[in-house]
Amino acid sequence: MTVDQNASFEEKTLLKKVAKGSEPAFRRLYDIHHQQIYSFALFLTRSEVLSEEVTQEIFIKIWARREELLEIRHFKPWLKTLVRNQAYSFLSRLARERLILREVGQQKKEAANHTEEEVLVREYGRLLKEILGQLPEQQRKVFLLSRQEGMKHEEIARHLGLSINTIKSHMKAALRRIRLFFDSHNDTLITLAMTLFFCE
């Protein structure tokens, strides 16, 4: 058996154990792949905070869908696709957040007639403002300085008189709470979209 064949055999054995619910095997899988996932996510997003979020989300998905691992013939390409899709999903959400916050910051007056897209944007903005109001003050400040003002972590740290690690910690916590909040409201947005686009 060649080195590559042996590595492939060991990987399949590990995936089988994870699929059966072995937590030690899952931790081993994490140790093997987490740095590779983080590096690829960082290449795609150019953001340490987002890369950490992507990495965490990938392993949450792997564990939640662990039984599917038995059906995967080529794990690394599958994993790469999973990371790419998750990174693009986070970047898409980030773009929407920045659009909403920019409009809120400029205090634009709403027109009398709105397109379907504008209605969805307003609903997204309403939900975003709702979760921002629930964040601890420092988390909210850090998030708004990053997303609304476009400041980098180093600039925020100087502005607030905090360490960069503290800023990263606040940003990571804020993003996680926002993501979980929107995940819990997906049905609202989907229902609204169906009502707008499929009604007669």
C-alpha atoms as a PDB file:
ATOM      1  CA  MET A   1       0.000   0.000   0.000  1.00  0.00           C
ATOM      2  CA  THR A   2       1.397   3.395  -1.016  1.00  0.00           C
ATOM      3  CA  VAL A   3       1.568   6.400   1.306  1.00  0.00           C
ATOM      4  CA  ASP A   4      -1.399   8.039  -0.470  1.00  0.00           C
ATOM      5  CA  GLN A   5      -3.447   4.842  -0.298  1.00  0.00           C
ATOM      6  CA  ASN A   6      -2.668   4.469   3.393  1.00  0.00           C
ATOM      7  CA  ALA A   7      -3.651   8.093   4.069  1.00  0.00           C
ATOM      8  CA  SER A   8      -6.897   7.578   2.140  1.00  0.00           C
ATOM      9  CA  PHE A   9      -7.666   4.437   4.123  1.00  0.00           C
ATOM     10  CA  GLU A  10      -7.029   6.200   7.434  1.00  0.00           C
ATOM     11  CA  GLU A  11      -9.235   9.122   6.388  1.00  0.00           C
ATOM     12  CA  LYS A  12     -12.118   6.808   5.422  1.00  0.00           C
ATOM     13  CA  THR A  13     -11.756   4.933   8.715  1.00  0.00           C
ATOM     14  CA  LEU A  14     -11.842   8.218  10.620  1.00  0.00           C
ATOM     15  CA  LEU A  15     -14.909   9.431   8.707  1.00  0.00           C
ATOM     16  CA  LYS A  16     -16.715   6.164   9.440  1.00  0.00           C
ATOM     17  CA  LYS A  17     -16.069   6.653  13.156  1.00  0.00           C
ATOM     18  CA  VAL A  18     -17.322  10.243  12.999  1.00  0.00           C
ATOM     19  CA  ALA A  19     -20.421   9.085  11.091  1.00  0.00           C
ATOM     20  CA  LYS A  20     -21.156   6.670  13.930  1.00  0.00           C
ATOM     21  CA  GLY A  21     -21.005   9.518  16.442  1.00  0.00           C
ATOM     22  CA  SER A  22     -17.487   9.129  17.847  1.00  0.00           C
ATOM     23  CA  GLU A  23     -16.531  12.414  19.527  1.00  0.00           C
ATOM     24  CA  PRO A  24     -12.821  11.495  19.804  1.00  0.00           C
ATOM     25  CA  ALA A  25     -12.805  10.823  16.048  1.00  0.00           C
ATOM     26  CA  PHE A  26     -14.534  14.164  15.441  1.00  0.00           C
ATOM     27  CA  ARG A  27     -11.904  15.965  17.534  1.00  0.00           C
ATOM     28  CA  ARG A  28      -9.220  14.199  15.497  1.00  0.00           C
ATOM     29  CA  LEU A  29     -10.912  15.337  12.284  1.00  0.00           C
ATOM     30  CA  TYR A  30     -10.968  18.876  13.674  1.00  0.00           C
ATOM     31  CA  ASP A  31      -7.269  18.761  14.539  1.00  0.00           C
ATOM     32  CA  ILE A  32      -6.408  17.562  11.042  1.00  0.00           C
ATOM     33  CA  HIS A  33      -8.488  19.999   9.012  1.00  0.00           C
ATOM     34  CA  HIS A  34      -9.292  23.122  11.041  1.00  0.00           C
ATOM     35  CA  GLN A  35      -6.179  25.076  10.021  1.00  0.00           C
ATOM     36  CA  GLN A  36      -6.682  24.201   6.361  1.00  0.00           C
ATOM     37  CA  ILE A  37     -10.323  25.310   6.545  1.00  0.00           C
ATOM     38  CA  TYR A  38      -9.398  28.548   8.331  1.00  0.00           C
ATOM     39  CA  SER A  39      -6.667  29.345   5.787  1.00  0.00           C
ATOM     40  CA  PHE A  40      -8.972  28.768   2.817  1.00  0.00           C
ATOM     41  CA  ALA A  41     -11.724  30.840   4.446  1.00  0.00           C
ATOM     42  CA  LEU A  42      -9.210  33.624   5.128  1.00  0.00           C
ATOM     43  CA  PHE A  43      -8.144  33.545   1.472  1.00  0.00           C
ATOM     44  CA  LEU A  44     -11.783  33.935   0.410  1.00  0.00           C
ATOM     45  CA  THR A  45     -12.976  36.481   2.972  1.00  0.00           C
ATOM     46  CA  ARG A  46      -9.785  38.395   3.907  1.00  0.00           C
ATOM     47  CA  SER A  47     -11.224  38.561   7.423  1.00  0.00           C
ATOM     48  CA  GLU A  48      -9.911  36.764  10.495  1.00  0.00           C
ATOM     49  CA  VAL A  49     -13.240  37.105  12.287  1.00  0.00           C
ATOM     50  CA  LEU A  50     -15.279  35.772   9.367  1.00  0.00           C
ATOM     51  CA  SER A  51     -12.759  32.963   8.857  1.00  0.00           C
ATOM     52  CA  GLU A  52     -13.180  31.873  12.457  1.00  0.00           C
ATOM     53  CA  GLU A  53     -16.960  31.965  12.005  1.00  0.00           C
ATOM     54  CA  VAL A  54     -16.746  29.946   8.785  1.00  0.00           C
ATOM     55  CA  THR A  55     -14.481  27.358  10.414  1.00  0.00           C
ATOM     56  CA  GLN A  56     -16.807  26.960  13.379  1.00  0.00           C
ATOM     57  CA  GLU A  57     -19.866  26.708  11.152  1.00  0.00           C
ATOM     58  CA  ILE A  58     -18.230  24.064   8.938  1.00  0.00           C
ATOM     59  CA  PHE A  59     -17.567  21.747  11.855  1.00  0.00           C
ATOM     60  CA  ILE A  60     -21.069  22.326  13.225  1.00  0.00           C
ATOM     61  CA  LYS A  61     -22.425  21.246   9.842  1.00  0.00           C
ATOM     62  CA  ILE A  62     -20.110  18.245   9.612  1.00  0.00           C
ATOM     63  CA  TRP A  63     -21.264  16.992  13.003  1.00  0.00           C
ATOM     64  CA  ALA A  64     -24.926  17.683  12.271  1.00  0.00           C
ATOM     65  CA  ARG A  65     -24.653  15.839   8.929  1.00  0.00           C
ATOM     66  CA  ARG A  66     -22.167  13.229  10.074  1.00  0.00           C
ATOM     67  CA  GLU A  67     -24.211  10.293   8.767  1.00  0.00           C
ATOM     68  CA  GLU A  68     -23.722  11.662   5.228  1.00  0.00           C
ATOM     69  CA  LEU A  69     -19.959  11.188   5.570  1.00  0.00           C
ATOM     70  CA  LEU A  70     -20.377   7.516   4.671  1.00  0.00           C
ATOM     71  CA  GLU A  71     -21.599   8.553   1.223  1.00  0.00           C
ATOM     72  CA  ILE A  72     -18.723  10.948   0.461  1.00  0.00           C
ATOM     73  CA  ARG A  73     -16.113   9.396  -1.813  1.00  0.00           C
ATOM     74  CA  HIS A  74     -13.717  12.349  -1.958  1.00  0.00           C
ATOM     75  CA  PHE A  75     -13.758  14.198   1.349  1.00  0.00           C
ATOM     76  CA  LYS A  76     -11.285  17.027   0.681  1.00  0.00           C
ATOM     77  CA  PRO A  77     -13.005  18.340  -2.499  1.00  0.00           C
ATOM     78  CA  TRP A  78     -16.356  18.062  -0.681  1.00  0.00           C
ATOM     79  CA  LEU A  79     -14.950  19.968   2.274  1.00  0.00           C
ATOM     80  CA  LYS A  80     -13.494  22.668   0.016  1.00  0.00           C
ATOM     81  CA  THR A  81     -16.880  23.182  -1.635  1.00  0.00           C
ATOM     82  CA  LEU A  82     -18.535  23.391   1.773  1.00  0.00           C
ATOM     83  CA  VAL A  83     -16.068  26.065   2.922  1.00  0.00           C
ATOM     84  CA  ARG A  84     -16.451  28.057  -0.298  1.00  0.00           C
ATOM     85  CA  ASN A  85     -20.249  28.055  -0.071  1.00  0.00           C
ATOM     86  CA  GLN A  86     -20.208  29.029   3.603  1.00  0.00           C
ATOM     87  CA  ALA A  87     -17.713  31.841   3.003  1.00  0.00           C
ATOM     88  CA  TYR A  88     -19.770  33.238   0.115  1.00  0.00           C
ATOM     89  CA  SER A  89     -22.909  33.017   2.260  1.00  0.00           C
ATOM     90  CA  PHE A  90     -21.234  35.036   5.026  1.00  0.00           C
ATOM     91  CA  LEU A  91     -19.881  37.570   2.522  1.00  0.00           C
ATOM     92  CA  SER A  92     -23.337  37.968   0.997  1.00  0.00           C
ATOM     93  CA  ARG A  93     -24.802  38.638   4.434  1.00  0.00           C
ATOM     94  CA  LEU A  94     -22.000  41.096   5.166  1.00  0.00           C
ATOM     95  CA  ALA A  95     -22.753  42.987   1.951  1.00  0.00           C
ATOM     96  CA  ARG A  96     -26.439  43.254   2.902  1.00  0.00           C
ATOM     97  CA  GLU A  97     -25.531  44.438   6.405  1.00  0.00           C
ATOM     98  CA  ARG A  98     -23.268  47.161   5.041  1.00  0.00           C
ATOM     99  CA  LEU A  99     -25.933  48.289   2.586  1.00  0.00           C
ATOM    100  CA  ILE A 100     -28.552  48.516   5.329  1.00  0.00           C
ATOM    101  CA  LEU A 101     -26.261  50.292   7.773  1.00  0.00           C
ATOM    102  CA  ARG A 102     -25.166  52.786   5.140  1.00  0.00           C
ATOM    103  CA  GLU A 103     -28.778  53.634   4.369  1.00  0.00           C
ATOM    104  CA  VAL A 104     -29.613  53.907   8.073  1.00  0.00           C
ATOM    105  CA  GLY A 105     -26.593  56.141   8.634  1.00  0.00           C
ATOM    106  CA  GLN A 106     -27.625  58.469   5.839  1.00  0.00           C
ATOM    107  CA  GLN A 107     -31.218  58.553   7.139  1.00  0.00           C
ATOM    108  CA  LYS A 108     -32.764  58.292   3.720  1.00  0.00           C
ATOM    109  CA  LYS A 109     -36.448  58.985   3.482  1.00  0.00           C
ATOM    110  CA  GLU A 110     -38.531  56.077   2.276  1.00  0.00           C
ATOM    111  CA  ALA A 111     -40.361  56.611  -0.972  1.00  0.00           C
ATOM    112  CA  ALA A 112     -44.106  56.123  -1.180  1.00  0.00           C
ATOM    113  CA  ASN A 113     -43.816  53.210  -3.580  1.00  0.00           C
ATOM    114  CA  HIS A 114     -41.304  50.440  -3.031  1.00  0.00           C
ATOM    115  CA  THR A 115     -40.247  47.563  -5.185  1.00  0.00           C
ATOM    116  CA  GLU A 116     -40.402  44.008  -3.876  1.00  0.00           C
ATOM    117  CA  GLU A 117     -36.643  44.092  -3.296  1.00  0.00           C
ATOM    118  CA  GLU A 118     -36.922  47.284  -1.255  1.00  0.00           C
ATOM    119  CA  VAL A 119     -39.582  45.694   0.953  1.00  0.00           C
ATOM    120  CA  LEU A 120     -37.260  42.776   1.668  1.00  0.00           C
ATOM    121  CA  VAL A 121     -34.402  45.171   2.358  1.00  0.00           C
ATOM    122  CA  ARG A 122     -36.566  47.113   4.802  1.00  0.00           C
ATOM    123  CA  GLU A 123     -37.564  43.919   6.603  1.00  0.00           C
ATOM    124  CA  TYR A 124     -33.942  42.828   6.749  1.00  0.00           C
ATOM    125  CA  GLY A 125     -33.052  46.257   8.082  1.00  0.00           C
ATOM    126  CA  ARG A 126     -35.772  46.069  10.722  1.00  0.00           C
ATOM    127  CA  LEU A 127     -34.491  42.714  11.920  1.00  0.00           C
ATOM    128  CA  LEU A 128     -30.907  43.948  11.896  1.00  0.00           C
ATOM    129  CA  LYS A 129     -31.794  46.982  14.011  1.00  0.00           C
ATOM    130  CA  GLU A 130     -33.711  44.712  16.374  1.00  0.00           C
ATOM    131  CA  ILE A 131     -30.752  42.414  17.035  1.00  0.00           C
ATOM    132  CA  LEU A 132     -28.337  45.369  17.236  1.00  0.00           C
ATOM    133  CA  GLY A 133     -30.511  46.733  20.020  1.00  0.00           C
ATOM    134  CA  GLN A 134     -30.083  43.458  21.901  1.00  0.00           C
ATOM    135  CA  LEU A 135     -26.288  43.403  21.717  1.00  0.00           C
ATOM    136  CA  PRO A 136     -24.181  44.525  24.699  1.00  0.00           C
ATOM    137  CA  GLU A 137     -23.030  48.116  24.247  1.00  0.00           C
ATOM    138  CA  GLN A 138     -19.382  47.327  23.466  1.00  0.00           C
ATOM    139  CA  GLN A 139     -20.302  44.626  20.951  1.00  0.00           C
ATOM    140  CA  ARG A 140     -22.696  47.021  19.231  1.00  0.00           C
ATOM    141  CA  LYS A 141     -20.080  49.802  19.119  1.00  0.00           C
ATOM    142  CA  VAL A 142     -17.439  47.519  17.641  1.00  0.00           C
ATOM    143  CA  PHE A 143     -19.847  46.084  15.067  1.00  0.00           C
ATOM    144  CA  LEU A 144     -21.092  49.510  13.924  1.00  0.00           C
ATOM    145  CA  LEU A 145     -17.599  50.991  13.737  1.00  0.00           C
ATOM    146  CA  SER A 146     -16.550  48.058  11.570  1.00  0.00           C
ATOM    147  CA  ARG A 147     -19.619  47.758   9.362  1.00  0.00           C
ATOM    148  CA  GLN A 148     -20.977  51.304   9.254  1.00  0.00           C
ATOM    149  CA  GLU A 149     -17.768  53.319   9.480  1.00  0.00           C
ATOM    150  CA  GLY A 150     -15.568  50.807   7.647  1.00  0.00           C
ATOM    151  CA  MET A 151     -12.886  50.911  10.344  1.00  0.00           C
ATOM    152  CA  LYS A 152     -10.298  48.147  10.693  1.00  0.00           C
ATOM    153  CA  HIS A 153      -9.707  46.293  13.946  1.00  0.00           C
ATOM    154  CA  GLU A 154      -6.586  48.325  14.703  1.00  0.00           C
ATOM    155  CA  GLU A 155      -8.461  51.601  14.173  1.00  0.00           C
ATOM    156  CA  ILE A 156     -11.350  50.495  16.373  1.00  0.00           C
ATOM    157  CA  ALA A 157      -8.926  49.435  19.099  1.00  0.00           C
ATOM    158  CA  ARG A 158      -7.295  52.883  19.092  1.00  0.00           C
ATOM    159  CA  HIS A 159     -10.666  54.639  18.942  1.00  0.00           C
ATOM    160  CA  LEU A 160     -12.110  52.748  21.919  1.00  0.00           C
ATOM    161  CA  GLY A 161      -8.849  52.369  23.850  1.00  0.00           C
ATOM    162  CA  LEU A 162      -9.082  48.569  23.812  1.00  0.00           C
ATOM    163  CA  SER A 163      -6.731  45.802  22.716  1.00  0.00           C
ATOM    164  CA  ILE A 164      -7.033  44.268  19.251  1.00  0.00           C
ATOM    165  CA  ASN A 165      -7.810  40.880  20.819  1.00  0.00           C
ATOM    166  CA  THR A 166     -10.682  42.441  22.752  1.00  0.00           C
ATOM    167  CA  ILE A 167     -12.024  43.996  19.549  1.00  0.00           C
ATOM    168  CA  LYS A 168     -11.801  40.644  17.769  1.00  0.00           C
ATOM    169  CA  SER A 169     -13.582  38.961  20.657  1.00  0.00           C
ATOM    170  CA  HIS A 170     -16.416  41.534  20.633  1.00  0.00           C
ATOM    171  CA  MET A 171     -16.736  41.292  16.849  1.00  0.00           C
ATOM    172  CA  LYS A 172     -16.802  37.513  16.885  1.00  0.00           C
ATOM    173  CA  ALA A 173     -19.477  37.456  19.592  1.00  0.00           C
ATOM    174  CA  ALA A 174     -21.579  40.068  17.774  1.00  0.00           C
ATOM    175  CA  LEU A 175     -21.413  38.198  14.462  1.00  0.00           C
ATOM    176  CA  ARG A 176     -22.386  34.942  16.136  1.00  0.00           C
ATOM    177  CA  ARG A 177     -25.439  36.490  17.828  1.00  0.00           C
ATOM    178  CA  ILE A 178     -26.502  38.217  14.616  1.00  0.00           C
ATOM    179  CA  ARG A 179     -26.111  35.005  12.614  1.00  0.00           C
ATOM    180  CA  LEU A 180     -28.145  32.996  15.122  1.00  0.00           C
ATOM    181  CA  PHE A 181     -30.813  35.719  15.211  1.00  0.00           C
ATOM    182  CA  PHE A 182     -31.226  35.711  11.427  1.00  0.00           C
ATOM    183  CA  ASP A 183     -31.178  31.927  11.314  1.00  0.00           C
ATOM    184  CA  SER A 184     -34.150  31.968  13.697  1.00  0.00           C
ATOM    185  CA  HIS A 185     -35.975  34.476  11.458  1.00  0.00           C
ATOM    186  CA  ASN A 186     -35.352  32.821   8.101  1.00  0.00           C
ATOM    187  CA  ASP A 187     -38.983  31.711   7.923  1.00  0.00           C
ATOM    188  CA  THR A 188     -40.151  35.324   8.227  1.00  0.00           C
ATOM    189  CA  LEU A 189     -37.991  36.491   5.338  1.00  0.00           C
ATOM    190  CA  ILE A 190     -38.850  33.476   3.169  1.00  0.00           C
ATOM    191  CA  THR A 191     -42.584  33.928   3.806  1.00  0.00           C
ATOM    192  CA  LEU A 192     -42.351  37.617   2.962  1.00  0.00           C
ATOM    193  CA  ALA A 193     -40.456  36.848  -0.249  1.00  0.00           C
ATOM    194  CA  MET A 194     -43.045  34.262  -1.326  1.00  0.00           C
ATOM    195  CA  THR A 195     -45.886  36.690  -0.566  1.00  0.00           C
ATOM    196  CA  LEU A 196     -44.266  39.447  -2.614  1.00  0.00           C
ATOM    197  CA  PHE A 197     -43.069  37.455  -5.587  1.00  0.00           C
ATOM    198  CA  PHE A 198     -45.758  34.764  -5.951  1.00  0.00           C
ATOM    199  CA  CYS A 199     -48.975  36.556  -5.109  1.00  0.00           C
ATOM    200  CA  GLU A 200     -51.391  37.305  -7.954  1.00  0.00           C
END
